[in-house]
C-alpha atoms as a PDB file:
ATOM      1  CA  MET A   1      18.354   2.792 -10.166  1.00  0.00           C
ATOM      2  CA  GLU A   2      17.281   4.635  -7.046  1.00  0.00           C
ATOM      3  CA  LEU A   3      16.547   2.895  -3.724  1.00  0.00           C
ATOM      4  CA  ARG A   4      14.955   4.540  -0.699  1.00  0.00           C
ATOM      5  CA  ASP A   5      14.714   3.876   3.036  1.00  0.00           C
ATOM      6  CA  ALA A   6      12.640   0.896   4.204  1.00  0.00           C
ATOM      7  CA  VAL A   7       8.955   1.167   5.119  1.00  0.00           C
ATOM      8  CA  ASP A   8       7.793   0.415   8.658  1.00  0.00           C
ATOM      9  CA  PRO A   9       5.670  -2.785   8.717  1.00  0.00           C
ATOM     10  CA  ASP A  10       2.949  -0.858  10.597  1.00  0.00           C
ATOM     11  CA  VAL A  11       2.585   1.430   7.568  1.00  0.00           C
ATOM     12  CA  LEU A  12       2.156  -1.610   5.335  1.00  0.00           C
ATOM     13  CA  ALA A  13      -0.517  -3.029   7.659  1.00  0.00           C
ATOM     14  CA  ALA A  14      -2.358   0.307   7.489  1.00  0.00           C
ATOM     15  CA  ILE A  15      -2.249   0.228   3.675  1.00  0.00           C
ATOM     16  CA  GLU A  16      -3.698  -3.279   3.656  1.00  0.00           C
ATOM     17  CA  GLU A  17      -6.458  -2.203   6.002  1.00  0.00           C
ATOM     18  CA  GLN A  18      -7.336   0.880   3.963  1.00  0.00           C
ATOM     19  CA  LEU A  19      -7.350  -1.018   0.661  1.00  0.00           C
ATOM     20  CA  GLY A  20      -9.098  -4.075   2.100  1.00  0.00           C
ATOM     21  CA  GLN A  21      -6.513  -6.392   0.504  1.00  0.00           C
ATOM     22  CA  PRO A  22      -3.253  -7.924   1.661  1.00  0.00           C
ATOM     23  CA  LEU A  23      -0.127  -6.749  -0.093  1.00  0.00           C
ATOM     24  CA  PRO A  24       1.476  -9.497  -2.163  1.00  0.00           C
ATOM     25  CA  GLU A  25       4.227 -11.036  -0.029  1.00  0.00           C
ATOM     26  CA  SER A  26       6.972 -10.184  -2.533  1.00  0.00           C
ATOM     27  CA  LEU A  27       5.880  -6.522  -2.583  1.00  0.00           C
ATOM     28  CA  ARG A  28       5.683  -6.433   1.208  1.00  0.00           C
ATOM     29  CA  GLU A  29       9.221  -7.864   1.461  1.00  0.00           C
ATOM     30  CA  LEU A  30      10.575  -5.371  -1.072  1.00  0.00           C
ATOM     31  CA  LEU A  31       8.994  -2.397   0.732  1.00  0.00           C
ATOM     32  CA  THR A  32      10.522  -3.487   4.041  1.00  0.00           C
ATOM     33  CA  GLU A  33      13.906  -3.171   2.291  1.00  0.00           C
ATOM     34  CA  THR A  34      13.301  -0.028   0.192  1.00  0.00           C
ATOM     35  CA  ASP A  35      10.346   2.345  -0.178  1.00  0.00           C
ATOM     36  CA  GLY A  36      10.109   2.018  -3.930  1.00  0.00           C
ATOM     37  CA  ILE A  37      12.528   1.717  -6.836  1.00  0.00           C
ATOM     38  CA  GLY A  38      13.208   4.524  -9.264  1.00  0.00           C
ATOM     39  CA  GLY A  39      14.374   3.687 -12.763  1.00  0.00           C
ATOM     40  CA  ASP A  40      15.932   5.654 -15.604  1.00  0.00           C
ATOM     41  CA  TYR A  41      14.398   8.930 -16.739  1.00  0.00           C
ATOM     42  CA  GLY A  42      12.301   9.314 -13.593  1.00  0.00           C
ATOM     43  CA  THR A  43      10.215   6.174 -14.052  1.00  0.00           C
ATOM     44  CA  GLU A  44       8.831   4.649 -10.894  1.00  0.00           C
ATOM     45  CA  VAL A  45       9.403   0.928 -11.332  1.00  0.00           C
ATOM     46  CA  VAL A  46       7.971   0.342  -7.840  1.00  0.00           C
ATOM     47  CA  TRP A  47       6.106   3.203  -6.192  1.00  0.00           C
ATOM     48  CA  THR A  48       6.549   4.319  -2.611  1.00  0.00           C
ATOM     49  CA  ALA A  49       4.127   2.828  -0.081  1.00  0.00           C
ATOM     50  CA  GLU A  50       2.351   6.182   0.130  1.00  0.00           C
ATOM     51  CA  LYS A  51       1.862   6.292  -3.637  1.00  0.00           C
ATOM     52  CA  ILE A  52       0.689   2.663  -3.746  1.00  0.00           C
ATOM     53  CA  LEU A  53      -2.066   3.576  -1.288  1.00  0.00           C
ATOM     54  CA  GLY A  54      -2.997   6.856  -2.980  1.00  0.00           C
ATOM     55  CA  GLU A  55      -3.036   5.555  -6.542  1.00  0.00           C
ATOM     56  CA  ASN A  56      -5.042   2.444  -5.689  1.00  0.00           C
ATOM     57  CA  GLN A  57      -7.591   4.505  -3.774  1.00  0.00           C
ATOM     58  CA  SER A  58      -7.839   6.907  -6.705  1.00  0.00           C
ATOM     59  CA  PHE A  59      -8.248   4.150  -9.294  1.00  0.00           C
ATOM     60  CA  ARG A  60     -11.045   2.584  -7.254  1.00  0.00           C
ATOM     61  CA  THR A  61     -12.996   5.741  -6.435  1.00  0.00           C
ATOM     62  CA  ASN A  62     -12.520   8.092  -9.402  1.00  0.00           C
ATOM     63  CA  GLU A  63     -15.936   8.593 -11.040  1.00  0.00           C
ATOM     64  CA  GLN A  64     -14.412   9.385 -14.442  1.00  0.00           C
ATOM     65  CA  PHE A  65     -12.465   6.123 -14.334  1.00  0.00           C
ATOM     66  CA  ARG A  66     -15.667   4.242 -13.450  1.00  0.00           C
ATOM     67  CA  ASN A  67     -17.293   5.634 -16.586  1.00  0.00           C
ATOM     68  CA  LEU A  68     -14.301   5.017 -18.881  1.00  0.00           C
ATOM     69  CA  TYR A  69     -12.731   1.761 -17.724  1.00  0.00           C
ATOM     70  CA  MET A  70     -13.493  -1.713 -16.418  1.00  0.00           C
ATOM     71  CA  PRO A  71     -13.292  -1.932 -12.586  1.00  0.00           C
ATOM     72  CA  PHE A  72      -9.881  -1.847 -10.905  1.00  0.00           C
ATOM     73  CA  ASP A  73     -10.845  -3.454  -7.580  1.00  0.00           C
ATOM     74  CA  ALA A  74      -9.124  -6.757  -8.431  1.00  0.00           C
ATOM     75  CA  PHE A  75      -5.763  -5.035  -8.949  1.00  0.00           C
ATOM     76  CA  MET A  76      -3.037  -3.764  -6.640  1.00  0.00           C
ATOM     77  CA  PHE A  77      -1.159  -1.182  -8.710  1.00  0.00           C
ATOM     78  CA  PHE A  78       2.452  -0.610  -7.674  1.00  0.00           C
ATOM     79  CA  GLY A  79       4.422   0.973 -10.547  1.00  0.00           C
ATOM     80  CA  ASP A  80       4.315   2.573 -13.977  1.00  0.00           C
ATOM     81  CA  ASN A  81       6.287   2.995 -17.173  1.00  0.00           C
ATOM     82  CA  GLY A  82       6.387   6.797 -17.085  1.00  0.00           C
ATOM     83  CA  GLY A  83       4.001   7.030 -20.038  1.00  0.00           C
ATOM     84  CA  GLY A  84       0.660   6.213 -18.409  1.00  0.00           C
ATOM     85  CA  ASP A  85       0.629   2.411 -18.294  1.00  0.00           C
ATOM     86  CA  GLN A  86       0.409   0.919 -14.788  1.00  0.00           C
ATOM     87  CA  PHE A  87       1.752  -2.367 -13.406  1.00  0.00           C
ATOM     88  CA  ALA A  88      -0.239  -4.423 -10.925  1.00  0.00           C
ATOM     89  CA  PHE A  89      -0.730  -7.663  -9.099  1.00  0.00           C
ATOM     90  CA  VAL A  90      -4.111  -9.335  -9.540  1.00  0.00           C
ATOM     91  CA  ARG A  91      -5.512  -9.653  -6.014  1.00  0.00           C
ATOM     92  CA  THR A  92      -8.858 -11.299  -6.761  1.00  0.00           C
ATOM     93  CA  PRO A  93      -7.991 -14.128  -6.981  1.00  0.00           C
ATOM     94  CA  ALA A  94      -4.573 -13.408  -5.458  1.00  0.00           C
ATOM     95  CA  ARG A  95      -1.672 -14.129  -7.811  1.00  0.00           C
ATOM     96  CA  ASP A  96       2.047 -13.427  -7.808  1.00  0.00           C
ATOM     97  CA  GLU A  97       2.166 -12.606 -11.527  1.00  0.00           C
ATOM     98  CA  ILE A  98       2.395  -9.038 -12.813  1.00  0.00           C
ATOM     99  CA  SER A  99      -0.004  -7.513 -15.323  1.00  0.00           C
ATOM    100  CA  VAL A 100       0.047  -4.177 -17.101  1.00  0.00           C
ATOM    101  CA  TRP A 101      -2.957  -1.916 -17.572  1.00  0.00           C
ATOM    102  CA  ASP A 102      -2.769   0.019 -20.844  1.00  0.00           C
ATOM    103  CA  HIS A 103      -4.268   3.439 -20.205  1.00  0.00           C
ATOM    104  CA  GLU A 104      -5.179   3.953 -23.870  1.00  0.00           C
ATOM    105  CA  THR A 105      -7.014   0.682 -24.541  1.00  0.00           C
ATOM    106  CA  ASP A 106      -8.014  -0.423 -20.997  1.00  0.00           C
ATOM    107  CA  SER A 107      -6.385  -3.773 -21.748  1.00  0.00           C
ATOM    108  CA  ARG A 108      -4.907  -5.818 -18.928  1.00  0.00           C
ATOM    109  CA  THR A 109      -2.070  -8.093 -20.021  1.00  0.00           C
ATOM    110  CA  TRP A 110       0.235 -10.496 -18.198  1.00  0.00           C
ATOM    111  CA  VAL A 111       3.886  -9.308 -18.386  1.00  0.00           C
ATOM    112  CA  ALA A 112       5.953 -11.124 -15.728  1.00  0.00           C
ATOM    113  CA  SER A 113       5.804 -14.254 -13.606  1.00  0.00           C
ATOM    114  CA  SER A 114       6.987 -12.512 -10.433  1.00  0.00           C
ATOM    115  CA  LEU A 115       7.921  -9.149  -8.945  1.00  0.00           C
ATOM    116  CA  GLU A 116      11.598 -10.065  -9.283  1.00  0.00           C
ATOM    117  CA  SER A 117      11.194 -10.857 -12.974  1.00  0.00           C
ATOM    118  CA  TYR A 118       9.271  -7.611 -13.498  1.00  0.00           C
ATOM    119  CA  VAL A 119      11.939  -5.497 -11.758  1.00  0.00           C
ATOM    120  CA  ARG A 120      14.726  -7.150 -13.752  1.00  0.00           C
ATOM    121  CA  SER A 121      12.890  -6.496 -17.025  1.00  0.00           C
ATOM    122  CA  ALA A 122      11.901  -2.934 -16.122  1.00  0.00           C
ATOM    123  CA  LEU A 123      15.475  -2.045 -15.155  1.00  0.00           C
ATOM    124  CA  GLY A 124      17.025  -4.076 -17.973  1.00  0.00           C
ATOM    125  CA  GLY A 125      17.484  -1.174 -20.347  1.00  0.00           C
ATOM    126  CA  ASP A 126      14.988  -2.158 -23.045  1.00  0.00           C
ATOM    127  CA  GLY A 127      13.161   1.190 -22.792  1.00  0.00           C
ATOM    128  CA  GLU A 128       9.871   2.212 -21.251  1.00  0.00           C
ATOM    129  CA  ASP A 129       7.896  -0.186 -23.475  1.00  0.00           C
ATOM    130  CA  TRP A 130       9.910  -3.346 -22.648  1.00  0.00           C
ATOM    131  CA  TYR A 131       6.652  -5.235 -21.951  1.00  0.00           C
ATOM    132  CA  ARG A 132       4.983  -4.641 -25.311  1.00  0.00           C
ATOM    133  CA  THR A 133       4.884  -7.612 -27.647  1.00  0.00           C
ATOM    134  CA  ASP A 134       3.666  -5.882 -30.819  1.00  0.00           C
END
């Protein structure tokens, strides 16, 4: 597991302003302690604040994504499995649960009841597909 330096709260406020959504409180608290969490094999269990902003902006504005997938505006993506699937909070309506977006099927599935539960599972050593039920 790799931890990084904390993020300045002003940076987090700027991200919220640019995305037009508040960060989930648990994500905000985590980022004020460490700017992301790296897992085994280069996975980014929780992205850096900069990547959270960039990826969410990209998901919401990419024309190819608009043509291929359902809208992403309700999500706040914050991490991935290293193989293309992305983890997110649902922000509309705001929830603390974590969902995964499957990049191959465009499915959106609940995977954890909280950020803490998600991080524990993602770092628990069950492989990059720990969240799959099939």
